[in-house]
Protein backbone atom coordinates (compact mmCIF):
# COMPACT_ATOMS: atom_id res chain seq x y z
CA UNK A 1 -40.13 -49.25 -11.73
CA UNK A 2 -39.54 -52.92 -10.99
CA UNK A 3 -38.10 -54.26 -7.77
CA UNK A 4 -34.97 -55.34 -9.60
CA UNK A 5 -34.16 -51.86 -10.88
CA UNK A 6 -35.13 -50.25 -7.58
CA UNK A 7 -32.72 -52.43 -5.62
CA UNK A 8 -29.87 -52.02 -8.09
CA UNK A 9 -26.81 -50.16 -6.71
CA UNK A 10 -26.10 -46.71 -8.14
CA UNK A 11 -23.66 -46.61 -11.03
CA UNK A 12 -20.02 -46.22 -10.11
CA UNK A 13 -18.99 -42.59 -9.99
CA UNK A 14 -15.96 -41.86 -12.14
CA UNK A 15 -14.02 -38.80 -11.01
CA UNK A 16 -11.69 -36.87 -13.33
CA UNK A 17 -8.05 -37.27 -12.38
CA UNK A 18 -6.54 -35.16 -15.21
CA UNK A 19 -3.46 -37.33 -15.61
CA UNK A 20 -3.94 -37.37 -19.38
CA UNK A 21 -3.96 -33.55 -19.34
CA UNK A 22 -0.77 -33.59 -17.31
CA UNK A 23 0.93 -35.95 -19.77
CA UNK A 24 -0.07 -33.79 -22.74
CA UNK A 25 1.30 -30.68 -21.04
CA UNK A 26 4.53 -32.51 -20.19
CA UNK A 27 5.03 -33.43 -23.83
CA UNK A 28 4.56 -29.78 -24.77
CA UNK A 29 7.00 -28.66 -22.07
CA UNK A 30 9.70 -31.05 -23.31
CA UNK A 31 9.16 -30.05 -26.96
CA UNK A 32 9.44 -26.33 -26.13
CA UNK A 33 12.69 -26.97 -24.26
CA UNK A 34 14.11 -29.04 -27.13
CA UNK A 35 13.15 -26.31 -29.61
CA UNK A 36 14.97 -23.74 -27.47
CA UNK A 37 18.06 -25.96 -27.32
CA UNK A 38 18.08 -26.31 -31.11
CA UNK A 39 17.48 -22.58 -31.60
CA UNK A 40 20.56 -21.74 -29.52
CA UNK A 41 22.74 -23.96 -31.71
CA UNK A 42 21.34 -22.53 -34.92
CA UNK A 43 21.89 -18.94 -33.78
CA UNK A 44 25.39 -19.50 -32.42
CA UNK A 45 26.91 -22.11 -34.76
CA UNK A 46 24.50 -22.20 -37.70
CA UNK A 47 23.61 -25.84 -37.03
CA UNK A 48 21.45 -27.87 -34.69
CA UNK A 49 23.53 -29.19 -31.75
CA UNK A 50 24.47 -32.84 -32.33
CA UNK A 51 23.29 -33.86 -28.87
CA UNK A 52 19.82 -32.30 -29.15
CA UNK A 53 18.20 -35.75 -29.35
CA UNK A 54 20.01 -36.84 -26.20
CA UNK A 55 18.95 -33.68 -24.40
CA UNK A 56 15.33 -34.22 -25.39
CA UNK A 57 15.43 -37.90 -24.42
CA UNK A 58 16.99 -37.12 -21.04
CA UNK A 59 14.50 -34.40 -20.17
CA UNK A 60 11.65 -36.57 -21.46
CA UNK A 61 12.69 -39.51 -19.29
CA UNK A 62 12.85 -37.30 -16.20
CA UNK A 63 9.38 -35.92 -16.96
CA UNK A 64 8.02 -39.43 -17.56
CA UNK A 65 9.49 -40.74 -14.31
CA UNK A 66 7.86 -37.93 -12.35
CA UNK A 67 4.57 -38.40 -14.19
CA UNK A 68 4.44 -42.13 -13.44
CA UNK A 69 5.05 -41.47 -9.75
CA UNK A 70 2.23 -38.92 -9.68
CA UNK A 71 -0.13 -41.11 -11.71
CA UNK A 72 0.10 -44.02 -9.28
CA UNK A 73 0.70 -42.28 -5.94
CA UNK A 74 -1.15 -38.96 -6.30
CA UNK A 75 -3.78 -39.52 -9.01
CA UNK A 76 -5.92 -36.51 -8.03
CA UNK A 77 -3.03 -34.04 -7.88
CA UNK A 78 -3.17 -30.71 -9.69
CA UNK A 79 -2.28 -31.42 -13.36
CA UNK A 80 -0.45 -28.10 -13.86
CA UNK A 81 2.21 -28.25 -11.14
CA UNK A 82 4.50 -30.85 -12.70
CA UNK A 83 4.40 -29.54 -16.31
CA UNK A 84 5.23 -25.99 -15.17
CA UNK A 85 8.19 -27.25 -13.15
CA UNK A 86 9.48 -29.32 -16.09
CA UNK A 87 9.14 -26.39 -18.50
CA UNK A 88 10.95 -23.96 -16.19
CA UNK A 89 13.70 -26.50 -15.52
CA UNK A 90 14.06 -27.19 -19.24
CA UNK A 91 14.25 -23.49 -20.10
CA UNK A 92 16.84 -23.04 -17.36
CA UNK A 93 19.02 -25.75 -18.90
CA UNK A 94 18.67 -24.07 -22.31
CA UNK A 95 19.74 -20.67 -20.95
CA UNK A 96 22.70 -22.14 -19.06
CA UNK A 97 23.79 -24.08 -22.17
CA UNK A 98 23.52 -20.87 -24.20
CA UNK A 99 25.85 -19.06 -21.75
CA UNK A 100 28.22 -22.04 -21.69
CA UNK A 101 28.93 -21.39 -25.38
CA UNK A 102 30.48 -18.06 -24.35
CA UNK A 103 32.54 -19.56 -21.52
CA UNK A 104 34.17 -22.76 -22.82
CA UNK A 105 36.34 -23.05 -19.69
CA UNK A 106 33.36 -22.81 -17.34
CA UNK A 107 30.73 -25.36 -18.39
CA UNK A 108 27.68 -25.62 -16.13
CA UNK A 109 24.83 -27.16 -18.15
CA UNK A 110 25.95 -30.77 -17.68
CA UNK A 111 26.31 -30.31 -13.92
CA UNK A 112 22.94 -28.60 -13.73
CA UNK A 113 21.36 -31.55 -15.57
CA UNK A 114 22.84 -33.90 -12.97
CA UNK A 115 21.39 -31.79 -10.15
CA UNK A 116 18.05 -31.70 -11.96
CA UNK A 117 18.12 -35.50 -12.18
CA UNK A 118 18.75 -35.68 -8.44
CA UNK A 119 15.90 -33.23 -7.88
CA UNK A 120 13.45 -35.33 -9.89
CA UNK A 121 14.63 -38.46 -8.05
CA UNK A 122 13.92 -36.82 -4.68
CA UNK A 123 10.60 -35.57 -6.08
CA UNK A 124 9.70 -39.18 -6.87
CA UNK A 125 10.78 -40.36 -3.42
CA UNK A 126 8.65 -37.73 -1.68
CA UNK A 127 5.59 -38.47 -3.82
CA UNK A 128 5.90 -42.22 -3.22
CA UNK A 129 6.86 -42.32 0.47
CA UNK A 130 4.90 -39.38 1.94
CA UNK A 131 1.53 -41.06 2.44
CA UNK A 132 0.04 -38.38 4.68
CA UNK A 133 1.38 -34.82 4.91
CA UNK A 134 0.10 -34.53 8.48
CA UNK A 135 2.89 -36.80 9.69
CA UNK A 136 5.28 -33.89 9.11
CA UNK A 137 3.50 -32.02 11.89
CA UNK A 138 4.95 -34.44 14.43
CA UNK A 139 8.50 -33.37 13.56
CA UNK A 140 8.02 -29.59 13.90
CA UNK A 141 10.74 -29.01 16.50
CA UNK A 142 13.11 -31.49 14.87
CA UNK A 143 12.61 -29.55 11.62
CA UNK A 144 13.46 -26.18 13.18
CA UNK A 145 16.48 -27.60 15.01
CA UNK A 146 17.81 -29.09 11.78
CA UNK A 147 17.15 -25.83 9.93
CA UNK A 148 19.14 -23.83 12.47
CA UNK A 149 22.06 -26.26 12.23
CA UNK A 150 22.00 -25.95 8.43
CA UNK A 151 22.13 -22.16 8.71
CA UNK A 152 24.87 -22.07 11.37
CA UNK A 153 27.37 -24.44 9.75
CA UNK A 154 28.28 -22.18 6.75
CA UNK A 155 29.51 -19.48 9.16
CA UNK A 156 32.62 -21.61 9.77
CA UNK A 157 33.45 -21.84 6.05
CA UNK A 158 35.13 -19.15 3.91
CA UNK A 159 32.93 -16.49 2.30
CA UNK A 160 32.13 -16.78 -1.41
CA UNK A 161 31.44 -13.50 -3.23
CA UNK A 162 31.04 -11.78 0.12
CA UNK A 163 28.50 -14.18 1.66
CA UNK A 164 29.01 -17.14 3.98
CA UNK A 165 26.27 -19.42 2.66
CA UNK A 166 28.29 -22.21 1.09
CA UNK A 167 29.73 -25.46 2.39
CA UNK A 168 32.64 -26.68 0.29
CA UNK A 169 34.07 -30.16 0.77
CA UNK A 170 36.61 -31.06 -1.87
CA UNK A 171 35.04 -30.36 -5.26
CA UNK A 172 31.48 -30.45 -3.89
CA UNK A 173 29.66 -27.34 -2.73
CA UNK A 174 26.08 -26.70 -1.70
CA UNK A 175 23.91 -24.15 0.14
CA UNK A 176 22.32 -25.71 3.24
CA UNK A 177 20.08 -22.64 3.65
CA UNK A 178 18.10 -23.78 0.60
CA UNK A 179 16.93 -26.88 2.48
CA UNK A 180 16.39 -24.91 5.69
CA UNK A 181 13.56 -22.90 4.15
CA UNK A 182 11.42 -26.03 3.70
CA UNK A 183 12.07 -27.13 7.27
CA UNK A 184 11.16 -23.69 8.60
CA UNK A 185 7.94 -23.74 6.57
CA UNK A 186 7.03 -27.07 8.20
CA UNK A 187 7.75 -25.66 11.67
CA UNK A 188 5.83 -22.42 11.11
CA UNK A 189 2.84 -24.35 9.73
CA UNK A 190 2.79 -26.81 12.64
CA UNK A 191 3.20 -24.20 15.37
CA UNK A 192 0.74 -21.71 13.91
CA UNK A 193 -1.86 -24.43 13.29
CA UNK A 194 -1.64 -25.49 16.93
CA UNK A 195 -1.77 -21.94 18.34
CA UNK A 196 -3.86 -20.01 15.80
CA UNK A 197 -6.72 -19.29 18.23
CA UNK A 198 -4.41 -17.94 20.90
CA UNK A 199 -2.58 -15.83 18.32
CA UNK A 200 -5.83 -14.33 17.03
CA UNK A 201 -7.90 -13.79 20.17
CA UNK A 202 -5.74 -13.63 23.30
CA UNK A 203 -3.43 -10.95 24.63
CA UNK A 204 -3.65 -7.17 24.61
CA UNK A 205 -4.79 -4.70 21.97
CA UNK A 206 -2.21 -2.15 20.84
CA UNK A 207 -3.09 0.33 18.07
CA UNK A 208 -5.98 -1.92 16.96
CA UNK A 209 -3.56 -4.85 16.72
CA UNK A 210 -4.33 -7.92 18.81
CA UNK A 211 -1.00 -8.89 20.37
CA UNK A 212 -0.88 -12.46 21.72
CA UNK A 213 0.76 -13.34 24.99
CA UNK A 214 4.51 -13.79 25.07
CA UNK A 215 4.08 -17.42 26.03
CA UNK A 216 2.32 -18.10 22.73
CA UNK A 217 4.25 -15.88 20.33
CA UNK A 218 7.60 -16.00 22.15
CA UNK A 219 8.93 -19.33 20.80
CA UNK A 220 8.22 -18.59 17.15
CA UNK A 221 9.62 -15.04 17.37
CA UNK A 222 12.73 -16.37 19.10
CA UNK A 223 13.27 -18.93 16.36
CA UNK A 224 12.79 -16.26 13.72
CA UNK A 225 15.20 -13.81 15.40
CA UNK A 226 17.81 -16.53 15.77
CA UNK A 227 17.53 -17.54 12.12
CA UNK A 228 17.72 -13.92 10.93
CA UNK A 229 20.69 -13.28 13.22
CA UNK A 230 22.55 -16.19 11.72
CA UNK A 231 21.78 -14.98 8.23
CA UNK A 232 23.01 -11.48 9.02
CA UNK A 233 26.29 -13.01 10.19
CA UNK A 234 26.42 -14.85 6.88
CA UNK A 235 25.82 -11.54 5.04
CA UNK A 236 23.05 -13.15 2.99
CA UNK A 237 20.34 -10.49 2.74
CA UNK A 238 18.23 -12.43 0.22
CA UNK A 239 17.60 -15.51 2.33
CA UNK A 240 17.05 -13.36 5.40
CA UNK A 241 14.36 -11.40 3.54
CA UNK A 242 12.83 -14.66 2.33
CA UNK A 243 12.53 -16.11 5.84
CA UNK A 244 11.12 -12.87 7.21
CA UNK A 245 8.52 -12.66 4.44
CA UNK A 246 7.55 -16.29 4.96
CA UNK A 247 7.11 -15.67 8.69
CA UNK A 248 4.83 -12.65 8.17
CA UNK A 249 2.71 -14.28 5.44
CA UNK A 250 2.06 -17.44 7.42
CA UNK A 251 1.32 -15.46 10.57
CA UNK A 252 -1.25 -13.40 8.66
CA UNK A 253 -2.86 -16.49 7.11
CA UNK A 254 -3.09 -18.18 10.51
CA UNK A 255 -4.64 -15.21 12.32
CA UNK A 256 -6.41 -13.22 9.62
CA UNK A 257 -5.08 -10.02 11.23
CA UNK A 258 -3.93 -7.47 8.63
CA UNK A 259 -2.05 -5.57 11.34
CA UNK A 260 0.69 -8.19 11.21
CA UNK A 261 1.46 -7.16 7.63
CA UNK A 262 1.98 -3.56 8.75
CA UNK A 263 4.21 -4.68 11.61
CA UNK A 264 6.16 -6.91 9.24
CA UNK A 265 6.76 -4.14 6.73
CA UNK A 266 7.90 -1.80 9.49
CA UNK A 267 10.34 -4.33 10.94
CA UNK A 268 11.63 -5.15 7.44
CA UNK A 269 12.28 -1.48 6.73
CA UNK A 270 14.11 -0.97 10.04
CA UNK A 271 16.18 -4.13 9.59
CA UNK A 272 17.09 -3.29 6.00
CA UNK A 273 18.17 0.21 7.01
CA UNK A 274 20.35 -1.02 9.88
CA UNK A 275 22.00 -3.84 7.94
CA UNK A 276 22.40 -1.74 4.80
CA UNK A 277 24.07 1.04 6.78
CA UNK A 278 26.57 -0.96 8.83
CA UNK A 279 27.38 -4.15 6.93
CA UNK A 280 29.91 -3.36 4.15
CA UNK A 281 28.86 -6.11 1.71
CA UNK A 282 25.17 -5.21 1.93
CA UNK A 283 25.96 -1.48 1.96
CA UNK A 284 27.81 -1.75 -1.37
CA UNK A 285 24.79 -3.42 -2.94
CA UNK A 286 22.50 -0.70 -1.65
CA UNK A 287 24.79 1.93 -3.17
CA UNK A 288 24.80 0.12 -6.53
CA UNK A 289 21.01 0.01 -6.39
CA UNK A 290 20.68 3.72 -5.61
CA UNK A 291 22.96 4.69 -8.52
CA UNK A 292 23.67 1.76 -10.88
CA UNK A 293 25.48 4.05 -13.36
CA UNK A 294 27.87 5.62 -10.84
CA UNK A 295 30.78 3.47 -12.05
CA UNK A 296 30.19 4.70 -15.61
CA UNK A 297 30.24 8.32 -14.49
CA UNK A 298 33.48 7.61 -12.61
CA UNK A 299 35.10 6.18 -15.74
CA UNK A 300 35.28 2.58 -14.48
CA UNK A 301 32.76 1.16 -16.93
CA UNK A 302 29.34 -0.39 -16.21
CA UNK A 303 28.86 -2.63 -13.19
CA UNK A 304 26.77 -5.78 -13.05
CA UNK A 305 23.46 -4.07 -12.36
CA UNK A 306 24.02 -1.53 -15.13
CA UNK A 307 24.85 -4.32 -17.59
CA UNK A 308 21.71 -6.14 -16.50
CA UNK A 309 19.58 -3.08 -17.19
CA UNK A 310 21.27 -2.67 -20.59
CA UNK A 311 20.43 -6.30 -21.39
CA UNK A 312 16.75 -5.80 -20.59
CA UNK A 313 16.69 -2.64 -22.71
CA UNK A 314 18.37 -4.38 -25.65
CA UNK A 315 15.76 -7.15 -25.63
CA UNK A 316 12.88 -4.86 -26.49
CA UNK A 317 9.48 -6.43 -27.03
CA UNK A 318 10.44 -9.66 -28.85
CA UNK A 319 14.11 -10.10 -27.89
CA UNK A 320 17.26 -10.63 -29.92
CA UNK A 321 16.65 -14.38 -30.18
CA UNK A 322 18.15 -17.26 -28.23
CA UNK A 323 21.91 -17.29 -28.67
CA UNK A 324 22.09 -13.76 -30.11
CA UNK A 325 22.46 -11.63 -26.98
CA UNK A 326 25.40 -10.15 -25.09
CA UNK A 327 24.35 -10.70 -21.48
CA UNK A 328 27.61 -12.55 -20.87
CA UNK A 329 29.10 -9.07 -20.36
CA UNK A 330 27.39 -8.98 -16.94
CA UNK A 331 30.21 -11.07 -15.51
CA UNK A 332 30.71 -13.94 -13.08
CA UNK A 333 27.10 -14.36 -11.91
CA UNK A 334 25.48 -14.42 -15.36
CA UNK A 335 24.37 -18.04 -15.04
CA UNK A 336 23.04 -17.70 -11.51
CA UNK A 337 21.95 -14.34 -10.08
CA UNK A 338 21.52 -12.60 -13.45
CA UNK A 339 20.17 -15.38 -15.65
CA UNK A 340 16.88 -13.51 -15.87
CA UNK A 341 18.73 -10.75 -17.75
CA UNK A 342 19.64 -13.28 -20.44
CA UNK A 343 16.00 -14.29 -20.73
CA UNK A 344 14.96 -10.63 -20.92
CA UNK A 345 17.47 -9.79 -23.64
CA UNK A 346 17.02 -12.84 -25.85
CA UNK A 347 13.31 -13.50 -25.33
CA UNK A 348 12.24 -9.88 -24.90
CA UNK A 349 9.42 -8.49 -22.80
CA UNK A 350 6.99 -11.02 -24.28
CA UNK A 351 9.13 -14.01 -23.31
CA UNK A 352 9.89 -12.56 -19.89
CA UNK A 353 6.17 -12.02 -19.31
CA UNK A 354 5.50 -15.65 -20.24
CA UNK A 355 8.09 -16.81 -17.69
CA UNK A 356 6.56 -14.64 -14.97
CA UNK A 357 3.11 -16.00 -15.85
CA UNK A 358 4.42 -19.54 -15.39
CA UNK A 359 5.67 -18.63 -11.93
CA UNK A 360 2.41 -16.86 -11.14
CA UNK A 361 0.41 -19.91 -12.21
CA UNK A 362 2.61 -22.21 -10.13
CA UNK A 363 2.15 -20.03 -7.04
CA UNK A 364 -1.58 -19.59 -7.66
CA UNK A 365 -2.13 -23.35 -7.87
CA UNK A 366 -0.24 -23.71 -4.58
CA UNK A 367 -2.51 -21.13 -2.95
CA UNK A 368 -5.57 -22.83 -4.43
CA UNK A 369 -4.41 -26.09 -2.90
CA UNK A 370 -4.07 -24.41 0.49
CA UNK A 371 -7.58 -22.96 0.28
CA UNK A 372 -9.03 -26.35 -0.63
CA UNK A 373 -7.42 -28.30 2.20
CA UNK A 374 -9.49 -28.91 5.33
CA UNK A 375 -6.79 -29.37 7.96
CA UNK A 376 -5.08 -26.16 9.23
CA UNK A 377 -1.57 -27.61 9.06
CA UNK A 378 -1.91 -28.67 5.43
CA UNK A 379 -3.44 -25.34 4.49
CA UNK A 380 -0.65 -23.34 6.12
CA UNK A 381 2.04 -25.62 4.69
CA UNK A 382 0.73 -25.32 1.12
CA UNK A 383 0.48 -21.54 1.36
CA UNK A 384 3.92 -21.36 2.95
CA UNK A 385 5.57 -23.45 0.22
CA UNK A 386 3.88 -21.43 -2.53
CA UNK A 387 4.95 -18.22 -0.78
CA UNK A 388 8.58 -19.38 -0.79
CA UNK A 389 8.46 -19.57 -4.59
CA UNK A 390 6.66 -16.21 -4.86
CA UNK A 391 9.12 -14.43 -2.57
CA UNK A 392 12.13 -15.86 -4.40
CA UNK A 393 10.84 -14.66 -7.76
CA UNK A 394 10.06 -11.18 -6.39
CA UNK A 395 13.40 -10.77 -4.61
CA UNK A 396 15.49 -11.99 -7.57
CA UNK A 397 13.55 -10.27 -10.34
CA UNK A 398 13.39 -7.06 -8.31
CA UNK A 399 17.15 -7.16 -7.77
CA UNK A 400 18.24 -7.65 -11.39
CA UNK A 401 15.68 -5.07 -12.61
CA UNK A 402 16.73 -2.41 -10.12
CA UNK A 403 13.52 -2.46 -8.09
CA UNK A 404 15.29 -3.50 -4.87
CA UNK A 405 18.97 -4.09 -3.96
CA UNK A 406 20.59 -7.26 -5.29
CA UNK A 407 20.29 -10.22 -2.96
CA UNK A 408 22.31 -13.01 -4.56
CA UNK A 409 19.63 -15.71 -4.73
CA UNK A 410 18.90 -18.24 -7.48
CA UNK A 411 15.81 -17.96 -9.69
CA UNK A 412 13.72 -21.12 -9.06
CA UNK A 413 14.48 -23.80 -11.69
CA UNK A 414 16.06 -21.30 -14.14
CA UNK A 415 19.35 -20.35 -12.53
CA UNK A 416 22.51 -22.38 -12.05
CA UNK A 417 22.57 -23.90 -8.57
CA UNK A 418 22.27 -27.51 -7.53
CA UNK A 419 20.93 -26.88 -4.04
CA UNK A 420 18.27 -24.54 -5.40
CA UNK A 421 16.93 -26.84 -8.11
CA UNK A 422 16.83 -29.84 -5.77
CA UNK A 423 14.98 -27.85 -3.10
CA UNK A 424 12.45 -26.51 -5.59
CA UNK A 425 11.69 -30.02 -6.85
CA UNK A 426 11.02 -31.09 -3.25
CA UNK A 427 8.67 -28.10 -2.84
CA UNK A 428 6.75 -29.13 -5.97
CA UNK A 429 6.58 -32.72 -4.68
CA UNK A 430 5.04 -31.55 -1.41
CA UNK A 431 2.54 -29.40 -3.30
CA UNK A 432 1.68 -32.43 -5.46
CA UNK A 433 0.92 -34.50 -2.36
CA UNK A 434 -1.08 -31.68 -0.78
CA UNK A 435 -3.09 -31.04 -3.94
CA UNK A 436 -3.89 -34.76 -4.21
CA UNK A 437 -5.48 -34.62 -0.75
CA UNK A 438 -7.26 -31.34 -1.56
CA UNK A 439 -8.77 -32.59 -4.83
CA UNK A 440 -9.50 -36.16 -3.73
CA UNK A 441 -13.28 -36.70 -3.25
CA UNK A 442 -14.48 -37.32 0.27
CA UNK A 443 -16.44 -40.51 1.08
CA UNK A 444 -19.71 -38.64 1.63
CA UNK A 445 -19.41 -37.07 -1.82
CA UNK A 446 -18.91 -40.44 -3.48
CA UNK A 447 -21.85 -42.00 -1.61
CA UNK A 448 -24.26 -39.24 -2.62
CA UNK A 449 -22.89 -38.86 -6.13
CA UNK A 450 -22.30 -35.14 -5.59
CA UNK A 451 -18.88 -33.73 -6.41
CA UNK A 452 -18.40 -30.17 -5.31
CA UNK A 453 -15.47 -27.99 -6.15
CA UNK A 454 -12.63 -28.67 -3.75
CA UNK A 455 -12.23 -24.95 -3.22
CA UNK A 456 -15.82 -24.60 -2.03
CA UNK A 457 -15.70 -27.53 0.40
CA UNK A 458 -12.82 -26.10 2.39
CA UNK A 459 -13.54 -25.24 5.96
CA UNK A 460 -12.30 -21.86 7.21
CA UNK A 461 -9.46 -21.62 9.68
CA UNK A 462 -10.74 -21.11 13.18
CA UNK A 463 -9.93 -17.72 14.58
CA UNK A 464 -9.14 -15.85 11.40
CA UNK A 465 -9.21 -16.12 7.62
CA UNK A 466 -12.22 -13.88 7.26
């Protein structure tokens, strides 16, 4: 070997960024959505909708805008997160448009597209402006204070369908609790990351459960009790269950103590029994869940849950086809709470399974990001955000399928609801930023030319995660 070749610098190490894979998947997601839009028109009217090209161009532009932001600001981000979100959002618009054909006086698809555009715009803003996710840790107490305000304000507005979760100003309405769940995830992640050792190792042992001191656990339990109390006053069981589940999951991840799961399940059972027994709105939903066909036996015809179960049964394995179902018989919440019944009837068990797999993949990539991150706050935040999506899907799907009582929440990306779709796009944006940090090579890896899997380079949380 000559001196010249010996002194030559090592070749530049090129690391895969997978943005081309992301773009290819985005094209597929847009094409599937456009095909569904055309299929609805063919089944309902016998012709392709005249605005199918405009729908495809609009959805494609939104996907391209988000892709460009990720390509330049988060080049190492997970390539599956954005395409899954675009596909679910596109399918949601198709299902809402399909139901709009049955309700000409109540059109929702155009409004949902506007909210989706706002969601993608905020997604782009978060991806571009959030340079380091750890800066969110500084605003933990500001986040929880804002979240509590957002949950308290709807109490002073009239109830809608039995729940006080809406703020209506003129013709505009939104659910502030949707944004509160992100803020609470930030607070839980920051507080648990700062106190994880004390939560895991200090305090007294009770029934093989390590209980931390009140000084450590007191603030976070107080915040949780206050938030749940507000939600009980709002008669919104779904969001209350979501916040409680998020609290228990993140506490378990921070401490590694399985006893917290048992305590969480016990408290959830007690709380559900008390609220379901004494709060009339929740009690009626529990009764419908226990006997969904009681109204039929009484001669009043099927209720919403019974109609939902009939829709799933009618779909069979392959479904009736987009635009050929009768799920509109469910009633006023067909486009929001019960939109999954439309998917089950018209796409069948196979299509419904595909949708659940998309959600499962989205959540799994969020958990993978959390495992790959090195800082405790980022790890807890990623797992918390992914858990929000997982809990929403479980609570909503379980409700419309009769597994648990109905909760009145919106299926992420699929259901009608501006606040929900905007919030979910922000969650995906945060996961994009977190996954970019998790997958980005570290300087020592680049210098040595060794690139290890991001999942294997993660350092364990101190005081738990065993």
